[in-house]
C-alpha atoms as a PDB file:
ATOM      1  CA  MET A   1     -35.336   6.108 -39.332  1.00  0.00           C
ATOM      2  CA  GLU A   2     -34.053  10.296 -40.865  1.00  0.00           C
ATOM      3  CA  THR A   3     -30.950   9.963 -41.136  1.00  0.00           C
ATOM      4  CA  GLY A   4     -30.197  14.243 -41.777  1.00  0.00           C
ATOM      5  CA  THR A   5     -31.910  15.377 -38.077  1.00  0.00           C
ATOM      6  CA  ALA A   6     -28.733  15.053 -35.242  1.00  0.00           C
ATOM      7  CA  ARG A   7     -30.120  14.789 -32.494  1.00  0.00           C
ATOM      8  CA  ALA A   8     -29.523  16.789 -29.505  1.00  0.00           C
ATOM      9  CA  MET A   9     -27.741  16.566 -26.308  1.00  0.00           C
ATOM     10  CA  PRO A  10     -29.060  16.321 -23.346  1.00  0.00           C
ATOM     11  CA  GLU A  11     -28.603  19.631 -21.326  1.00  0.00           C
ATOM     12  CA  ARG A  12     -26.296  18.727 -18.125  1.00  0.00           C
ATOM     13  CA  ARG A  13     -27.666  19.765 -14.753  1.00  0.00           C
ATOM     14  CA  THR A  14     -25.696  20.272 -11.706  1.00  0.00           C
ATOM     15  CA  PRO A  15     -26.399  19.224  -7.385  1.00  0.00           C
ATOM     16  CA  THR A  16     -28.746  21.547  -7.703  1.00  0.00           C
ATOM     17  CA  ASP A  17     -30.775  22.383 -10.530  1.00  0.00           C
ATOM     18  CA  PRO A  18     -35.181  21.605  -8.715  1.00  0.00           C
ATOM     19  CA  GLY A  19     -34.924  21.212 -12.154  1.00  0.00           C
ATOM     20  CA  GLY A  20     -32.658  17.732 -13.000  1.00  0.00           C
ATOM     21  CA  ALA A  21     -34.789  14.280 -14.405  1.00  0.00           C
ATOM     22  CA  ARG A  22     -32.181  12.781 -12.085  1.00  0.00           C
ATOM     23  CA  PRO A  23     -29.692  12.993 -10.019  1.00  0.00           C
ATOM     24  CA  VAL A  24     -26.109  13.902 -10.698  1.00  0.00           C
ATOM     25  CA  PHE A  25     -23.607  10.986  -8.993  1.00  0.00           C
ATOM     26  CA  LEU A  26     -21.479  13.820  -6.709  1.00  0.00           C
ATOM     27  CA  GLY A  27     -17.674  12.149  -6.263  1.00  0.00           C
ATOM     28  CA  PRO A  28     -15.704  13.084  -3.443  1.00  0.00           C
ATOM     29  CA  LEU A  29     -12.904  14.503  -5.860  1.00  0.00           C
ATOM     30  CA  ASN A  30     -16.243  16.814  -7.616  1.00  0.00           C
ATOM     31  CA  VAL A  31     -16.203  18.669  -4.130  1.00  0.00           C
ATOM     32  CA  HIS A  32     -14.831  21.536  -3.133  1.00  0.00           C
ATOM     33  CA  LEU A  33     -14.203  22.552   0.169  1.00  0.00           C
ATOM     34  CA  PRO A  34     -12.715  25.291   2.003  1.00  0.00           C
ATOM     35  CA  VAL A  35      -9.400  25.889   2.881  1.00  0.00           C
ATOM     36  CA  THR A  36     -10.976  25.366   6.755  1.00  0.00           C
ATOM     37  CA  ALA A  37     -12.384  21.675   6.018  1.00  0.00           C
ATOM     38  CA  THR A  38      -9.353  20.720   4.548  1.00  0.00           C
ATOM     39  CA  VAL A  39      -7.417  21.796   6.999  1.00  0.00           C
ATOM     40  CA  SER A  40      -9.403  20.061   9.709  1.00  0.00           C
ATOM     41  CA  LEU A  41      -8.836  17.157   7.204  1.00  0.00           C
ATOM     42  CA  GLY A  42      -5.472  16.868   7.644  1.00  0.00           C
ATOM     43  CA  HIS A  43      -5.874  17.190  10.662  1.00  0.00           C
ATOM     44  CA  ARG A  44      -7.890  14.257  11.827  1.00  0.00           C
ATOM     45  CA  ILE A  45      -5.866  11.715   8.999  1.00  0.00           C
ATOM     46  CA  PRO A  46      -2.862  11.787  11.600  1.00  0.00           C
ATOM     47  CA  GLY A  47      -4.908  11.829  15.028  1.00  0.00           C
ATOM     48  CA  LEU A  48      -6.483   8.157  12.994  1.00  0.00           C
ATOM     49  CA  ILE A  49      -3.042   6.724  12.047  1.00  0.00           C
ATOM     50  CA  LEU A  50      -2.274   7.698  16.369  1.00  0.00           C
ATOM     51  CA  VAL A  51      -4.888   6.093  16.883  1.00  0.00           C
ATOM     52  CA  LEU A  52      -4.094   2.866  15.084  1.00  0.00           C
ATOM     53  CA  ALA A  53      -0.394   2.438  16.538  1.00  0.00           C
ATOM     54  CA  LEU A  54      -1.579   2.862  19.804  1.00  0.00           C
ATOM     55  CA  PRO A  55      -2.164  -0.453  20.478  1.00  0.00           C
ATOM     56  CA  LEU A  56       1.912  -1.777  18.810  1.00  0.00           C
ATOM     57  CA  LEU A  57       3.393   1.726  21.228  1.00  0.00           C
ATOM     58  CA  ILE A  58       1.764   0.004  24.729  1.00  0.00           C
ATOM     59  CA  LEU A  59       3.192  -3.310  23.550  1.00  0.00           C
ATOM     60  CA  ALA A  60       6.596  -1.436  22.782  1.00  0.00           C
ATOM     61  CA  LEU A  61       6.689   0.717  26.164  1.00  0.00           C
ATOM     62  CA  ALA A  62       6.014  -2.207  27.872  1.00  0.00           C
ATOM     63  CA  ALA A  63       9.051  -4.314  26.764  1.00  0.00           C
ATOM     64  CA  SER A  64      11.477  -1.410  27.183  1.00  0.00           C
ATOM     65  CA  LEU A  65      10.201  -1.746  30.959  1.00  0.00           C
ATOM     66  CA  GLY A  66      11.015  -5.149  31.196  1.00  0.00           C
ATOM     67  CA  PRO A  67      13.886  -7.317  31.337  1.00  0.00           C
ATOM     68  CA  ALA A  68      16.558  -6.675  28.721  1.00  0.00           C
ATOM     69  CA  VAL A  69      15.202 -10.297  27.024  1.00  0.00           C
ATOM     70  CA  ASP A  70      12.759  -8.525  26.197  1.00  0.00           C
ATOM     71  CA  ARG A  71      13.607  -5.652  24.202  1.00  0.00           C
ATOM     72  CA  GLY A  72      15.797  -7.616  22.567  1.00  0.00           C
ATOM     73  CA  GLY A  73      13.043  -9.116  20.012  1.00  0.00           C
ATOM     74  CA  TRP A  74      11.987  -4.652  19.934  1.00  0.00           C
ATOM     75  CA  LEU A  75      15.629  -3.932  18.086  1.00  0.00           C
ATOM     76  CA  PRO A  76      16.386  -5.676  15.404  1.00  0.00           C
ATOM     77  CA  LEU A  77      12.373  -5.069  13.998  1.00  0.00           C
ATOM     78  CA  LEU A  78      12.796  -0.665  14.312  1.00  0.00           C
ATOM     79  CA  LYS A  79      16.081  -0.723  12.833  1.00  0.00           C
ATOM     80  CA  SER A  80      15.377  -2.176   9.976  1.00  0.00           C
ATOM     81  CA  ILE A  81      14.165  -0.158   6.837  1.00  0.00           C
ATOM     82  CA  GLY A  82      10.138  -0.722   7.935  1.00  0.00           C
ATOM     83  CA  GLY A  83      10.961  -0.204  11.213  1.00  0.00           C
ATOM     84  CA  ARG A  84      12.167   3.501  10.393  1.00  0.00           C
ATOM     85  CA  ILE A  85       9.663   4.411   8.251  1.00  0.00           C
ATOM     86  CA  CYS A  86       6.984   3.594  10.103  1.00  0.00           C
ATOM     87  CA  ARG A  87       8.728   5.700  13.290  1.00  0.00           C
ATOM     88  CA  LEU A  88       9.314   8.732  10.713  1.00  0.00           C
ATOM     89  CA  VAL A  89       5.212   7.947  10.039  1.00  0.00           C
ATOM     90  CA  LEU A  90       4.922   8.337  13.846  1.00  0.00           C
ATOM     91  CA  VAL A  91       6.217  11.145  14.886  1.00  0.00           C
ATOM     92  CA  TRP A  92       5.684  12.988  11.030  1.00  0.00           C
ATOM     93  CA  SER A  93       1.259  12.079  12.296  1.00  0.00           C
ATOM     94  CA  LEU A  94       2.444  13.357  16.527  1.00  0.00           C
ATOM     95  CA  ALA A  95       4.001  16.104  15.812  1.00  0.00           C
ATOM     96  CA  HIS A  96       1.518  17.019  12.633  1.00  0.00           C
ATOM     97  CA  HIS A  97      -1.065  16.263  14.811  1.00  0.00           C
ATOM     98  CA  THR A  98      -0.129  18.203  17.188  1.00  0.00           C
ATOM     99  CA  THR A  99       0.817  21.446  15.281  1.00  0.00           C
ATOM    100  CA  ALA A 100      -2.747  21.117  13.725  1.00  0.00           C
ATOM    101  CA  GLY A 101      -4.339  20.596  17.297  1.00  0.00           C
ATOM    102  CA  VAL A 102      -2.884  24.082  18.966  1.00  0.00           C
ATOM    103  CA  ARG A 103      -3.656  25.809  15.737  1.00  0.00           C
ATOM    104  CA  HIS A 104      -6.885  25.330  15.883  1.00  0.00           C
ATOM    105  CA  LEU A 105      -7.524  25.916  19.450  1.00  0.00           C
ATOM    106  CA  LEU A 106      -6.138  29.221  18.179  1.00  0.00           C
ATOM    107  CA  PHE A 107      -9.147  29.741  16.064  1.00  0.00           C
ATOM    108  CA  ASP A 108     -11.068  29.017  18.370  1.00  0.00           C
ATOM    109  CA  ALA A 109      -9.677  31.380  20.910  1.00  0.00           C
ATOM    110  CA  GLY A 110     -10.050  34.858  17.677  1.00  0.00           C
ATOM    111  CA  VAL A 111      -6.672  34.459  17.697  1.00  0.00           C
ATOM    112  CA  ARG A 112      -5.710  35.447  13.531  1.00  0.00           C
ATOM    113  CA  THR A 113      -9.475  35.389  12.337  1.00  0.00           C
ATOM    114  CA  SER A 114      -9.659  38.849  11.377  1.00  0.00           C
END
């Protein structure tokens, strides 16, 4: 066993390095996206929230159009803290998704892209 020699650390390889001995883990936090990709992801997340909430919104609409007896079960749920938070998240998602969609349409139309 050699006691006086230092072992050289292996050279760090990048994912685009053709001479890499093995692949490098490219985690989602290591990827730096351009601003337009970040805005696109910000548009898709509220859209996903709205799609997932759609069955509950349809049930609430059906209950509101029915007799007053059916609405009695929904009112305490909507007035609770959890119901208020859900309404806030849904309104935020709808507003954000709508404004981001308009922004994407304006980008596609060529408005202020210079």
